[in-house]
Amino acid sequence: MGSEIVFTGRRQFALEDYQDTPLGPAEVRGRTLATLISPGTELAWAETGSFPLRPGYAAVYEAEELGREVRGISHGDKLLCMGAHRSTQQFDQRYVLKVPDALAPETAVLARLMGVSMTTLMTTAARPGDRVVVTGAGPVGYLAAHLCRIAGYEVSVVEPDPRRNAQARQSGLSVLSKMPLDDADFAGKVALVIDCSGHEGAVLEGCKVVRKKGEVVLVGVPWKAHTGMLAHEILHAVFFRFVNLRSGWEWELPVVGRDFVWEELYEGYNNAQHTTMTGLAKALTWLARGHVPLAGLIRKFSPADPAAVYGGLMAREVAEPFAVLDWAAAGLR
């Protein structure tokens, strides 16, 4: 019997029991070490979700039980998966990645959040050395900006919130409080704007600052309207400035690659070199190498009292951008 977090109703959070399903031949099961809370998504679910709802999509767990067809994974390996907030994880081996030995579980789970914007970097027409602007320095935006920096872009972050602005600045990023629409170094010269705010005002400003045929990618979910602006304002900017405004949907790429094999023709193939899993693997490598500054930015919580954890997040009482549930310390099984 395991324990999992359940949203039982609007702003109602509970820890409930569940039963593991039988282990499949290609599956790996084990105790959860850490799961990552995605505040923007999960707090939105807590307001308007279809209840009961079981949140979470980033976990690190220890391999304890291996299906008979599992290869390349050993007992005791730490694995990254897209798992929920629960005390055990059980995944097909195709959908897990080994965590480097030196990487702590509470850091490794951030790879999943890096994957959200990794799709944009795999699909953009912008090239290293081009100017990129990231709007919003919350968890996703902070990581997106550092991904762009690692990849060789000239990246700047626009973040009006003083706390997030300071956190991004202290990490070595170039940070602005507002979009530099009148700055000659930016206006008409930005190749890519990655909006991680979900704010229509930021999207409009992004459309106004990019170069002709520049991209504005919507990574942040527009959960609600923040202004009374008309769609015409964005349409006007897109049309007359030749803007490529598109979704930043992370699932644009396949989860795993599958090469063409004649004998398996009707099982499908994609010949994909860039996938969700290859992106997560890159993220784990860069985290292990210390390429993303994280000192003082991760806050660990016990999953034993989910109401207290989510209540604090809703009240904006948590200063750190990354909230991690420490299942190993809680001892929940």
C-alpha atoms as a PDB file:
ATOM      1  CA  MET A   1       0.000   0.000   0.000  1.00  0.00           C
ATOM      2  CA  GLY A   2       1.396   3.393  -1.017  1.00  0.00           C
ATOM      3  CA  SER A   3       0.573   7.040  -0.282  1.00  0.00           C
ATOM      4  CA  GLU A   4      -0.220   9.687  -2.896  1.00  0.00           C
ATOM      5  CA  ILE A   5      -1.329  13.304  -2.989  1.00  0.00           C
ATOM      6  CA  VAL A   6      -4.864  13.833  -4.252  1.00  0.00           C
ATOM      7  CA  PHE A   7      -6.717  17.071  -4.996  1.00  0.00           C
ATOM      8  CA  THR A   8     -10.109  16.004  -3.673  1.00  0.00           C
ATOM      9  CA  GLY A   9     -11.855  19.280  -4.514  1.00  0.00           C
ATOM     10  CA  ARG A  10     -11.205  22.955  -5.140  1.00  0.00           C
ATOM     11  CA  ARG A  11      -8.262  23.895  -2.891  1.00  0.00           C
ATOM     12  CA  GLN A  12      -8.626  20.592  -1.050  1.00  0.00           C
ATOM     13  CA  PHE A  13      -5.445  18.520  -0.663  1.00  0.00           C
ATOM     14  CA  ALA A  14      -5.123  15.084   0.931  1.00  0.00           C
ATOM     15  CA  LEU A  15      -2.719  12.185   1.301  1.00  0.00           C
ATOM     16  CA  GLU A  16      -4.491   8.955   0.356  1.00  0.00           C
ATOM     17  CA  ASP A  17      -3.614   5.279   0.057  1.00  0.00           C
ATOM     18  CA  TYR A  18      -3.271   3.437  -3.238  1.00  0.00           C
ATOM     19  CA  GLN A  19      -2.356  -0.037  -4.403  1.00  0.00           C
ATOM     20  CA  ASP A  20       0.444  -0.706  -6.908  1.00  0.00           C
ATOM     21  CA  THR A  21      -0.575  -2.545 -10.075  1.00  0.00           C
ATOM     22  CA  PRO A  22       1.165  -5.793 -11.128  1.00  0.00           C
ATOM     23  CA  LEU A  23       4.652  -5.198 -12.510  1.00  0.00           C
ATOM     24  CA  GLY A  24       4.854  -5.416 -16.298  1.00  0.00           C
ATOM     25  CA  PRO A  25       7.694  -7.283 -18.026  1.00  0.00           C
ATOM     26  CA  ALA A  26       9.423  -4.065 -19.160  1.00  0.00           C
ATOM     27  CA  GLU A  27       8.622  -2.003 -16.059  1.00  0.00           C
ATOM     28  CA  VAL A  28      10.742  -0.776 -13.168  1.00  0.00           C
ATOM     29  CA  ARG A  29       9.204  -0.074  -9.767  1.00  0.00           C
ATOM     30  CA  GLY A  30      10.658   1.456  -6.629  1.00  0.00           C
ATOM     31  CA  ARG A  31      10.406   3.958  -3.805  1.00  0.00           C
ATOM     32  CA  THR A  32      10.101   7.630  -4.658  1.00  0.00           C
ATOM     33  CA  LEU A  33      12.962   9.852  -3.537  1.00  0.00           C
ATOM     34  CA  ALA A  34      11.674  13.250  -4.686  1.00  0.00           C
ATOM     35  CA  THR A  35       8.926  14.828  -6.785  1.00  0.00           C
ATOM     36  CA  LEU A  36       8.793  18.352  -8.181  1.00  0.00           C
ATOM     37  CA  ILE A  37       5.794  20.627  -7.795  1.00  0.00           C
ATOM     38  CA  SER A  38       5.013  22.715 -10.880  1.00  0.00           C
ATOM     39  CA  PRO A  39       3.287  25.639  -9.140  1.00  0.00           C
ATOM     40  CA  GLY A  40       1.696  27.318 -12.161  1.00  0.00           C
ATOM     41  CA  THR A  41       0.132  24.131 -13.448  1.00  0.00           C
ATOM     42  CA  GLU A  42      -0.781  22.496 -10.159  1.00  0.00           C
ATOM     43  CA  LEU A  43      -2.266  25.586  -8.527  1.00  0.00           C
ATOM     44  CA  ALA A  44      -4.369  26.122 -11.651  1.00  0.00           C
ATOM     45  CA  TRP A  45      -5.531  22.515 -11.401  1.00  0.00           C
ATOM     46  CA  ALA A  46      -6.400  23.101  -7.744  1.00  0.00           C
ATOM     47  CA  GLU A  47      -8.768  25.874  -8.826  1.00  0.00           C
ATOM     48  CA  THR A  48     -10.435  24.432 -11.902  1.00  0.00           C
ATOM     49  CA  GLY A  49      -9.480  20.759 -12.179  1.00  0.00           C
ATOM     50  CA  SER A  50     -11.729  17.743 -12.621  1.00  0.00           C
ATOM     51  CA  PHE A  51     -11.678  16.257  -9.129  1.00  0.00           C
ATOM     52  CA  PRO A  52     -10.419  13.988  -7.714  1.00  0.00           C
ATOM     53  CA  LEU A  53      -7.111  14.802  -9.393  1.00  0.00           C
ATOM     54  CA  ARG A  54      -3.686  13.246  -8.867  1.00  0.00           C
ATOM     55  CA  PRO A  55      -1.042  15.877  -9.652  1.00  0.00           C
ATOM     56  CA  GLY A  56       2.648  15.733 -10.436  1.00  0.00           C
ATOM     57  CA  TYR A  57       4.752  14.909 -13.485  1.00  0.00           C
ATOM     58  CA  ALA A  58       8.364  14.854 -12.310  1.00  0.00           C
ATOM     59  CA  ALA A  59       9.891  12.249 -10.001  1.00  0.00           C
ATOM     60  CA  VAL A  60      13.145  10.544  -9.127  1.00  0.00           C
ATOM     61  CA  TYR A  61      12.904   7.034  -7.714  1.00  0.00           C
ATOM     62  CA  GLU A  62      15.119   4.099  -6.800  1.00  0.00           C
ATOM     63  CA  ALA A  63      14.921   0.921  -8.880  1.00  0.00           C
ATOM     64  CA  GLU A  64      13.852  -1.906  -6.558  1.00  0.00           C
ATOM     65  CA  GLU A  65      11.837  -4.308  -8.728  1.00  0.00           C
ATOM     66  CA  LEU A  66      12.693  -5.096 -12.351  1.00  0.00           C
ATOM     67  CA  GLY A  67      10.457  -6.765 -14.921  1.00  0.00           C
ATOM     68  CA  ARG A  68      11.942  -9.786 -16.670  1.00  0.00           C
ATOM     69  CA  GLU A  69      12.547  -7.861 -19.928  1.00  0.00           C
ATOM     70  CA  VAL A  70      14.308  -4.875 -18.344  1.00  0.00           C
ATOM     71  CA  ARG A  71      17.868  -4.346 -19.568  1.00  0.00           C
ATOM     72  CA  GLY A  72      20.513  -1.790 -18.657  1.00  0.00           C
ATOM     73  CA  ILE A  73      18.989  -0.894 -15.292  1.00  0.00           C
ATOM     74  CA  SER A  74      20.193  -2.326 -11.985  1.00  0.00           C
ATOM     75  CA  HIS A  75      18.754  -2.472  -8.487  1.00  0.00           C
ATOM     76  CA  GLY A  76      19.571   0.761  -6.675  1.00  0.00           C
ATOM     77  CA  ASP A  77      19.793   2.954  -9.784  1.00  0.00           C
ATOM     78  CA  LYS A  78      18.218   6.394  -9.415  1.00  0.00           C
ATOM     79  CA  LEU A  79      15.757   7.041 -12.233  1.00  0.00           C
ATOM     80  CA  LEU A  80      14.022  10.156 -13.559  1.00  0.00           C
ATOM     81  CA  CYS A  81      10.434   9.679 -14.701  1.00  0.00           C
ATOM     82  CA  MET A  82       7.318  11.736 -15.379  1.00  0.00           C
ATOM     83  CA  GLY A  83       5.635  10.452 -12.241  1.00  0.00           C
ATOM     84  CA  ALA A  84       2.993  11.803  -9.884  1.00  0.00           C
ATOM     85  CA  HIS A  85       3.315  12.800  -6.230  1.00  0.00           C
ATOM     86  CA  ARG A  86       3.249   9.288  -4.785  1.00  0.00           C
ATOM     87  CA  SER A  87       5.488   7.133  -2.628  1.00  0.00           C
ATOM     88  CA  THR A  88       6.335   4.621  -5.380  1.00  0.00           C
ATOM     89  CA  GLN A  89       6.839   4.906  -9.125  1.00  0.00           C
ATOM     90  CA  GLN A  90       6.307   2.265 -11.796  1.00  0.00           C
ATOM     91  CA  PHE A  91       7.336   2.953 -15.403  1.00  0.00           C
ATOM     92  CA  ASP A  92       8.245   1.190 -18.603  1.00  0.00           C
ATOM     93  CA  GLN A  93      12.017   1.307 -19.026  1.00  0.00           C
ATOM     94  CA  ARG A  94      11.588   3.364 -22.231  1.00  0.00           C
ATOM     95  CA  TYR A  95      10.304   6.272 -20.173  1.00  0.00           C
ATOM     96  CA  VAL A  96      12.959   6.488 -17.461  1.00  0.00           C
ATOM     97  CA  LEU A  97      16.484   7.890 -17.464  1.00  0.00           C
ATOM     98  CA  LYS A  98      19.350   7.094 -15.148  1.00  0.00           C
ATOM     99  CA  VAL A  99      20.276   9.965 -12.864  1.00  0.00           C
ATOM    100  CA  PRO A 100      24.035  10.649 -12.656  1.00  0.00           C
ATOM    101  CA  ASP A 101      25.464   9.401  -9.360  1.00  0.00           C
ATOM    102  CA  ALA A 102      26.598  12.837  -8.199  1.00  0.00           C
ATOM    103  CA  LEU A 103      23.230  14.495  -8.861  1.00  0.00           C
ATOM    104  CA  ALA A 104      20.901  14.839  -5.861  1.00  0.00           C
ATOM    105  CA  PRO A 105      17.276  13.762  -6.454  1.00  0.00           C
ATOM    106  CA  GLU A 106      15.952  17.220  -5.528  1.00  0.00           C
ATOM    107  CA  THR A 107      18.093  18.687  -8.307  1.00  0.00           C
ATOM    108  CA  ALA A 108      17.552  15.933 -10.861  1.00  0.00           C
ATOM    109  CA  VAL A 109      13.764  16.434 -10.876  1.00  0.00           C
ATOM    110  CA  LEU A 110      14.303  19.911 -12.344  1.00  0.00           C
ATOM    111  CA  ALA A 111      15.291  18.234 -15.617  1.00  0.00           C
ATOM    112  CA  ARG A 112      11.601  17.581 -16.205  1.00  0.00           C
ATOM    113  CA  LEU A 113      10.811  21.292 -15.972  1.00  0.00           C
ATOM    114  CA  MET A 114      13.734  22.087 -18.271  1.00  0.00           C
ATOM    115  CA  GLY A 115      12.099  19.794 -20.804  1.00  0.00           C
ATOM    116  CA  VAL A 116       9.149  22.184 -21.115  1.00  0.00           C
ATOM    117  CA  SER A 117      11.233  24.761 -22.987  1.00  0.00           C
ATOM    118  CA  MET A 118      13.706  22.255 -24.444  1.00  0.00           C
ATOM    119  CA  THR A 119      11.160  21.570 -27.197  1.00  0.00           C
ATOM    120  CA  THR A 120      11.344  25.221 -28.231  1.00  0.00           C
ATOM    121  CA  LEU A 121      15.121  25.060 -28.585  1.00  0.00           C
ATOM    122  CA  MET A 122      14.809  21.883 -30.648  1.00  0.00           C
ATOM    123  CA  THR A 123      12.317  23.476 -33.065  1.00  0.00           C
ATOM    124  CA  THR A 124      13.268  27.166 -33.282  1.00  0.00           C
ATOM    125  CA  ALA A 125      14.775  28.802 -36.358  1.00  0.00           C
ATOM    126  CA  ALA A 126      16.931  30.993 -34.086  1.00  0.00           C
ATOM    127  CA  ARG A 127      20.584  30.026 -34.006  1.00  0.00           C
ATOM    128  CA  PRO A 128      23.295  30.283 -31.329  1.00  0.00           C
ATOM    129  CA  GLY A 129      24.498  33.858 -31.121  1.00  0.00           C
ATOM    130  CA  ASP A 130      21.033  35.250 -31.903  1.00  0.00           C
ATOM    131  CA  ARG A 131      19.310  37.490 -29.383  1.00  0.00           C
ATOM    132  CA  VAL A 132      16.625  35.801 -27.286  1.00  0.00           C
ATOM    133  CA  VAL A 133      14.244  37.302 -24.728  1.00  0.00           C
ATOM    134  CA  VAL A 134      12.496  35.184 -22.092  1.00  0.00           C
ATOM    135  CA  THR A 135       9.451  36.806 -20.496  1.00  0.00           C
ATOM    136  CA  GLY A 136       8.761  35.612 -16.964  1.00  0.00           C
ATOM    137  CA  ALA A 137      11.388  34.280 -14.546  1.00  0.00           C
ATOM    138  CA  GLY A 138       9.269  31.791 -12.668  1.00  0.00           C
ATOM    139  CA  PRO A 139      10.444  28.163 -12.494  1.00  0.00           C
ATOM    140  CA  VAL A 140       9.978  27.468 -16.214  1.00  0.00           C
ATOM    141  CA  GLY A 141      11.291  30.845 -17.369  1.00  0.00           C
ATOM    142  CA  TYR A 142      14.354  30.736 -15.135  1.00  0.00           C
ATOM    143  CA  LEU A 143      15.343  27.347 -16.538  1.00  0.00           C
ATOM    144  CA  ALA A 144      14.480  28.358 -20.119  1.00  0.00           C
ATOM    145  CA  ALA A 145      16.788  31.363 -19.869  1.00  0.00           C
ATOM    146  CA  HIS A 146      19.672  29.254 -18.634  1.00  0.00           C
ATOM    147  CA  LEU A 147      19.049  26.678 -21.366  1.00  0.00           C
ATOM    148  CA  CYS A 148      19.372  29.463 -23.933  1.00  0.00           C
ATOM    149  CA  ARG A 149      22.557  30.682 -22.281  1.00  0.00           C
ATOM    150  CA  ILE A 150      24.052  27.179 -22.261  1.00  0.00           C
ATOM    151  CA  ALA A 151      23.142  26.814 -25.953  1.00  0.00           C
ATOM    152  CA  GLY A 152      25.032  29.978 -26.880  1.00  0.00           C
ATOM    153  CA  TYR A 153      22.263  32.534 -27.350  1.00  0.00           C
ATOM    154  CA  GLU A 154      22.437  36.176 -26.251  1.00  0.00           C
ATOM    155  CA  VAL A 155      19.636  35.891 -23.725  1.00  0.00           C
ATOM    156  CA  SER A 156      17.849  38.483 -21.613  1.00  0.00           C
ATOM    157  CA  VAL A 157      14.988  38.002 -19.174  1.00  0.00           C
ATOM    158  CA  VAL A 158      12.065  40.364 -18.637  1.00  0.00           C
ATOM    159  CA  GLU A 159      10.617  40.016 -15.128  1.00  0.00           C
ATOM    160  CA  PRO A 160       8.736  42.814 -13.309  1.00  0.00           C
ATOM    161  CA  ASP A 161       8.412  40.921 -10.004  1.00  0.00           C
ATOM    162  CA  PRO A 162      11.242  42.175  -7.728  1.00  0.00           C
ATOM    163  CA  ARG A 163      11.937  38.830  -6.052  1.00  0.00           C
ATOM    164  CA  ARG A 164      12.097  36.823  -9.259  1.00  0.00           C
ATOM    165  CA  ASN A 165      14.024  39.616 -10.956  1.00  0.00           C
ATOM    166  CA  ALA A 166      16.663  39.509  -8.223  1.00  0.00           C
ATOM    167  CA  GLN A 167      16.918  35.702  -8.279  1.00  0.00           C
ATOM    168  CA  ALA A 168      17.498  35.676 -12.025  1.00  0.00           C
ATOM    169  CA  ARG A 169      19.992  38.526 -11.826  1.00  0.00           C
ATOM    170  CA  GLN A 170      21.966  36.842  -9.037  1.00  0.00           C
ATOM    171  CA  SER A 171      22.275  33.729 -11.205  1.00  0.00           C
ATOM    172  CA  GLY A 172      24.224  35.721 -13.783  1.00  0.00           C
ATOM    173  CA  LEU A 173      21.423  36.379 -16.258  1.00  0.00           C
ATOM    174  CA  SER A 174      20.829  39.725 -17.950  1.00  0.00           C
ATOM    175  CA  VAL A 175      17.516  40.854 -16.466  1.00  0.00           C
ATOM    176  CA  LEU A 176      15.172  43.729 -17.316  1.00  0.00           C
ATOM    177  CA  SER A 177      12.064  44.954 -15.507  1.00  0.00           C
ATOM    178  CA  LYS A 178      10.188  45.702 -18.734  1.00  0.00           C
ATOM    179  CA  MET A 179      10.407  44.885 -22.418  1.00  0.00           C
ATOM    180  CA  PRO A 180      13.073  47.080 -24.104  1.00  0.00           C
ATOM    181  CA  LEU A 181      10.821  48.200 -26.951  1.00  0.00           C
ATOM    182  CA  ASP A 182      12.724  51.448 -27.486  1.00  0.00           C
ATOM    183  CA  ASP A 183      16.226  50.051 -26.996  1.00  0.00           C
ATOM    184  CA  ALA A 184      18.141  50.033 -30.286  1.00  0.00           C
ATOM    185  CA  ASP A 185      19.973  46.866 -29.236  1.00  0.00           C
ATOM    186  CA  PHE A 186      16.682  44.985 -28.999  1.00  0.00           C
ATOM    187  CA  ALA A 187      13.967  46.606 -31.120  1.00  0.00           C
ATOM    188  CA  GLY A 188      13.632  44.641 -34.343  1.00  0.00           C
ATOM    189  CA  LYS A 189      16.704  42.530 -33.548  1.00  0.00           C
ATOM    190  CA  VAL A 190      15.350  39.766 -31.302  1.00  0.00           C
ATOM    191  CA  ALA A 191      15.198  36.402 -33.069  1.00  0.00           C
ATOM    192  CA  LEU A 192      13.131  34.593 -30.456  1.00  0.00           C
ATOM    193  CA  VAL A 193      10.856  35.531 -27.575  1.00  0.00           C
ATOM    194  CA  ILE A 194       9.961  32.678 -25.237  1.00  0.00           C
ATOM    195  CA  ASP A 195       6.937  33.711 -23.205  1.00  0.00           C
ATOM    196  CA  CYS A 196       6.846  31.846 -19.910  1.00  0.00           C
ATOM    197  CA  SER A 197       4.384  34.196 -18.226  1.00  0.00           C
ATOM    198  CA  GLY A 198       1.105  33.266 -19.901  1.00  0.00           C
ATOM    199  CA  HIS A 199       0.336  37.004 -19.906  1.00  0.00           C
ATOM    200  CA  GLU A 200      -1.174  38.425 -23.083  1.00  0.00           C
ATOM    201  CA  GLY A 201       0.533  41.776 -22.478  1.00  0.00           C
ATOM    202  CA  ALA A 202       3.937  40.098 -22.529  1.00  0.00           C
ATOM    203  CA  VAL A 203       3.012  38.282 -25.747  1.00  0.00           C
ATOM    204  CA  LEU A 204       2.033  41.555 -27.428  1.00  0.00           C
ATOM    205  CA  GLU A 205       5.298  43.186 -26.392  1.00  0.00           C
ATOM    206  CA  GLY A 206       7.175  40.151 -27.651  1.00  0.00           C
ATOM    207  CA  CYS A 207       5.509  40.564 -31.040  1.00  0.00           C
ATOM    208  CA  LYS A 208       6.593  44.202 -31.083  1.00  0.00           C
ATOM    209  CA  VAL A 209      10.256  43.582 -30.250  1.00  0.00           C
ATOM    210  CA  VAL A 210      11.165  40.662 -32.536  1.00  0.00           C
ATOM    211  CA  ARG A 211      12.809  41.072 -35.911  1.00  0.00           C
ATOM    212  CA  LYS A 212      10.933  40.354 -39.126  1.00  0.00           C
ATOM    213  CA  LYS A 213      10.121  36.637 -39.264  1.00  0.00           C
ATOM    214  CA  GLY A 214      11.156  36.397 -35.627  1.00  0.00           C
ATOM    215  CA  GLU A 215       9.423  33.885 -33.378  1.00  0.00           C
ATOM    216  CA  VAL A 216       7.246  34.416 -30.321  1.00  0.00           C
ATOM    217  CA  VAL A 217       6.690  31.052 -28.645  1.00  0.00           C
ATOM    218  CA  LEU A 218       3.955  30.546 -26.052  1.00  0.00           C
ATOM    219  CA  VAL A 219       5.459  28.301 -23.390  1.00  0.00           C
ATOM    220  CA  GLY A 220       3.557  29.741 -20.418  1.00  0.00           C
ATOM    221  CA  VAL A 221      -0.050  28.539 -20.236  1.00  0.00           C
ATOM    222  CA  PRO A 222      -2.615  31.382 -20.566  1.00  0.00           C
ATOM    223  CA  TRP A 223      -4.717  30.142 -17.654  1.00  0.00           C
ATOM    224  CA  LYS A 224      -6.722  33.376 -17.481  1.00  0.00           C
ATOM    225  CA  ALA A 225      -6.991  36.863 -18.981  1.00  0.00           C
ATOM    226  CA  HIS A 226      -4.844  39.473 -17.243  1.00  0.00           C
ATOM    227  CA  THR A 227      -5.972  42.536 -19.217  1.00  0.00           C
ATOM    228  CA  GLY A 228      -8.886  43.826 -21.251  1.00  0.00           C
ATOM    229  CA  MET A 229      -6.828  44.104 -24.428  1.00  0.00           C
ATOM    230  CA  LEU A 230      -8.350  43.013 -27.717  1.00  0.00           C
ATOM    231  CA  ALA A 231      -6.983  40.215 -29.861  1.00  0.00           C
ATOM    232  CA  HIS A 232      -6.720  42.821 -32.638  1.00  0.00           C
ATOM    233  CA  GLU A 233      -3.662  44.330 -30.969  1.00  0.00           C
ATOM    234  CA  ILE A 234      -1.739  41.071 -31.237  1.00  0.00           C
ATOM    235  CA  LEU A 235      -3.093  40.363 -34.729  1.00  0.00           C
ATOM    236  CA  HIS A 236      -1.953  43.798 -35.907  1.00  0.00           C
ATOM    237  CA  ALA A 237       1.567  43.270 -34.555  1.00  0.00           C
ATOM    238  CA  VAL A 238       1.810  39.765 -36.012  1.00  0.00           C
ATOM    239  CA  PHE A 239       0.579  40.796 -39.452  1.00  0.00           C
ATOM    240  CA  PHE A 240       2.543  44.003 -39.977  1.00  0.00           C
ATOM    241  CA  ARG A 241       5.760  42.834 -38.327  1.00  0.00           C
ATOM    242  CA  PHE A 242       5.773  39.405 -40.032  1.00  0.00           C
ATOM    243  CA  VAL A 243       5.896  37.601 -36.692  1.00  0.00           C
ATOM    244  CA  ASN A 244       5.856  33.836 -36.346  1.00  0.00           C
ATOM    245  CA  LEU A 245       3.616  33.469 -33.276  1.00  0.00           C
ATOM    246  CA  ARG A 246       3.245  29.838 -32.265  1.00  0.00           C
ATOM    247  CA  SER A 247       2.520  27.443 -29.456  1.00  0.00           C
ATOM    248  CA  GLY A 248       5.346  26.217 -27.264  1.00  0.00           C
ATOM    249  CA  TRP A 249       3.526  22.922 -26.709  1.00  0.00           C
ATOM    250  CA  GLU A 250       6.197  20.634 -25.302  1.00  0.00           C
ATOM    251  CA  TRP A 251       4.605  17.525 -26.843  1.00  0.00           C
ATOM    252  CA  GLU A 252       5.244  18.745 -30.390  1.00  0.00           C
ATOM    253  CA  LEU A 253       8.081  16.220 -30.417  1.00  0.00           C
ATOM    254  CA  PRO A 254       7.573  12.479 -29.887  1.00  0.00           C
ATOM    255  CA  VAL A 255       8.337  11.104 -26.441  1.00  0.00           C
ATOM    256  CA  VAL A 256      10.767   8.525 -27.851  1.00  0.00           C
ATOM    257  CA  GLY A 257      12.343   7.930 -31.249  1.00  0.00           C
ATOM    258  CA  ARG A 258      11.475   4.957 -33.400  1.00  0.00           C
ATOM    259  CA  ASP A 259      13.475   4.197 -36.549  1.00  0.00           C
ATOM    260  CA  PHE A 260      11.964   2.809 -39.723  1.00  0.00           C
ATOM    261  CA  VAL A 261      12.107  -0.970 -39.826  1.00  0.00           C
ATOM    262  CA  TRP A 262      10.397  -2.660 -42.781  1.00  0.00           C
ATOM    263  CA  GLU A 263       9.238  -5.644 -40.755  1.00  0.00           C
ATOM    264  CA  GLU A 264       7.616  -3.269 -38.232  1.00  0.00           C
ATOM    265  CA  LEU A 265       6.124  -0.883 -40.794  1.00  0.00           C
ATOM    266  CA  TYR A 266       2.592  -0.962 -39.443  1.00  0.00           C
ATOM    267  CA  GLU A 267       3.695  -0.403 -35.855  1.00  0.00           C
ATOM    268  CA  GLY A 268       4.678   3.152 -36.775  1.00  0.00           C
ATOM    269  CA  TYR A 269       7.956   5.060 -36.887  1.00  0.00           C
ATOM    270  CA  ASN A 270       9.150   8.669 -36.636  1.00  0.00           C
ATOM    271  CA  ASN A 271      12.923   8.576 -37.283  1.00  0.00           C
ATOM    272  CA  ALA A 272      13.150  11.288 -34.625  1.00  0.00           C
ATOM    273  CA  GLN A 273      16.579  12.324 -33.400  1.00  0.00           C
ATOM    274  CA  HIS A 274      15.157  14.901 -30.987  1.00  0.00           C
ATOM    275  CA  THR A 275      12.531  13.667 -28.535  1.00  0.00           C
ATOM    276  CA  THR A 276      11.182  14.356 -25.074  1.00  0.00           C
ATOM    277  CA  MET A 277      13.530  11.749 -23.637  1.00  0.00           C
ATOM    278  CA  THR A 278      16.660  13.041 -25.424  1.00  0.00           C
ATOM    279  CA  GLY A 279      15.814  16.510 -24.130  1.00  0.00           C
ATOM    280  CA  LEU A 280      15.514  15.230 -20.574  1.00  0.00           C
ATOM    281  CA  ALA A 281      18.831  13.410 -20.958  1.00  0.00           C
ATOM    282  CA  LYS A 282      20.528  16.661 -22.012  1.00  0.00           C
ATOM    283  CA  ALA A 283      18.965  18.445 -19.051  1.00  0.00           C
ATOM    284  CA  LEU A 284      20.276  15.834 -16.606  1.00  0.00           C
ATOM    285  CA  THR A 285      23.769  16.157 -18.079  1.00  0.00           C
ATOM    286  CA  TRP A 286      23.789  19.945 -17.787  1.00  0.00           C
ATOM    287  CA  LEU A 287      22.465  19.815 -14.234  1.00  0.00           C
ATOM    288  CA  ALA A 288      25.139  17.275 -13.286  1.00  0.00           C
ATOM    289  CA  ARG A 289      27.817  19.560 -14.731  1.00  0.00           C
ATOM    290  CA  GLY A 290      26.544  22.481 -12.652  1.00  0.00           C
ATOM    291  CA  HIS A 291      25.596  24.588 -15.665  1.00  0.00           C
ATOM    292  CA  VAL A 292      22.394  25.875 -14.008  1.00  0.00           C
ATOM    293  CA  PRO A 293      22.903  27.976 -10.832  1.00  0.00           C
ATOM    294  CA  LEU A 294      20.549  26.620  -8.160  1.00  0.00           C
ATOM    295  CA  ALA A 295      22.071  27.631  -4.818  1.00  0.00           C
ATOM    296  CA  GLY A 296      19.309  28.788  -2.476  1.00  0.00           C
ATOM    297  CA  LEU A 297      16.575  28.253  -5.081  1.00  0.00           C
ATOM    298  CA  ILE A 298      15.248  24.814  -4.071  1.00  0.00           C
ATOM    299  CA  ARG A 299      12.924  24.371  -1.090  1.00  0.00           C
ATOM    300  CA  LYS A 300      12.204  20.870   0.182  1.00  0.00           C
ATOM    301  CA  PHE A 301       8.903  19.941   1.837  1.00  0.00           C
ATOM    302  CA  SER A 302       7.506  16.846   3.466  1.00  0.00           C
ATOM    303  CA  PRO A 303       4.656  15.285   1.465  1.00  0.00           C
ATOM    304  CA  ALA A 304       2.993  14.200   4.719  1.00  0.00           C
ATOM    305  CA  ASP A 305       0.941  17.437   4.917  1.00  0.00           C
ATOM    306  CA  PRO A 306       0.001  18.462   1.362  1.00  0.00           C
ATOM    307  CA  ALA A 307      -2.522  21.039   2.572  1.00  0.00           C
ATOM    308  CA  ALA A 308       0.252  22.989   4.288  1.00  0.00           C
ATOM    309  CA  VAL A 309       2.543  22.777   1.253  1.00  0.00           C
ATOM    310  CA  TYR A 310       0.007  23.899  -1.327  1.00  0.00           C
ATOM    311  CA  GLY A 311      -1.500  26.445   1.041  1.00  0.00           C
ATOM    312  CA  GLY A 312       1.891  28.101   1.378  1.00  0.00           C
ATOM    313  CA  LEU A 313       2.367  28.132  -2.380  1.00  0.00           C
ATOM    314  CA  MET A 314      -1.062  29.669  -2.961  1.00  0.00           C
ATOM    315  CA  ALA A 315      -0.313  32.362  -0.369  1.00  0.00           C
ATOM    316  CA  ARG A 316       3.046  33.083  -2.085  1.00  0.00           C
ATOM    317  CA  GLU A 317       4.861  32.363   1.172  1.00  0.00           C
ATOM    318  CA  VAL A 318       7.582  30.339  -0.568  1.00  0.00           C
ATOM    319  CA  ALA A 319      10.445  32.520  -1.781  1.00  0.00           C
ATOM    320  CA  GLU A 320      12.294  29.800  -3.669  1.00  0.00           C
ATOM    321  CA  PRO A 321      11.113  29.091  -7.244  1.00  0.00           C
ATOM    322  CA  PHE A 322      11.523  25.317  -6.991  1.00  0.00           C
ATOM    323  CA  ALA A 323       9.380  23.333  -4.552  1.00  0.00           C
ATOM    324  CA  VAL A 324      10.363  19.682  -4.099  1.00  0.00           C
ATOM    325  CA  LEU A 325       8.617  17.002  -2.050  1.00  0.00           C
ATOM    326  CA  ASP A 326      11.172  14.908  -0.138  1.00  0.00           C
ATOM    327  CA  TRP A 327       9.639  11.426  -0.033  1.00  0.00           C
ATOM    328  CA  ALA A 328      12.867   9.783   1.105  1.00  0.00           C
ATOM    329  CA  ALA A 329      13.027  11.851   4.293  1.00  0.00           C
ATOM    330  CA  ALA A 330       9.304  11.428   4.958  1.00  0.00           C
ATOM    331  CA  GLY A 331       9.659   7.649   4.938  1.00  0.00           C
ATOM    332  CA  LEU A 332       6.285   7.145   3.247  1.00  0.00           C
ATOM    333  CA  ARG A 333       5.759   3.861   1.379  1.00  0.00           C
END
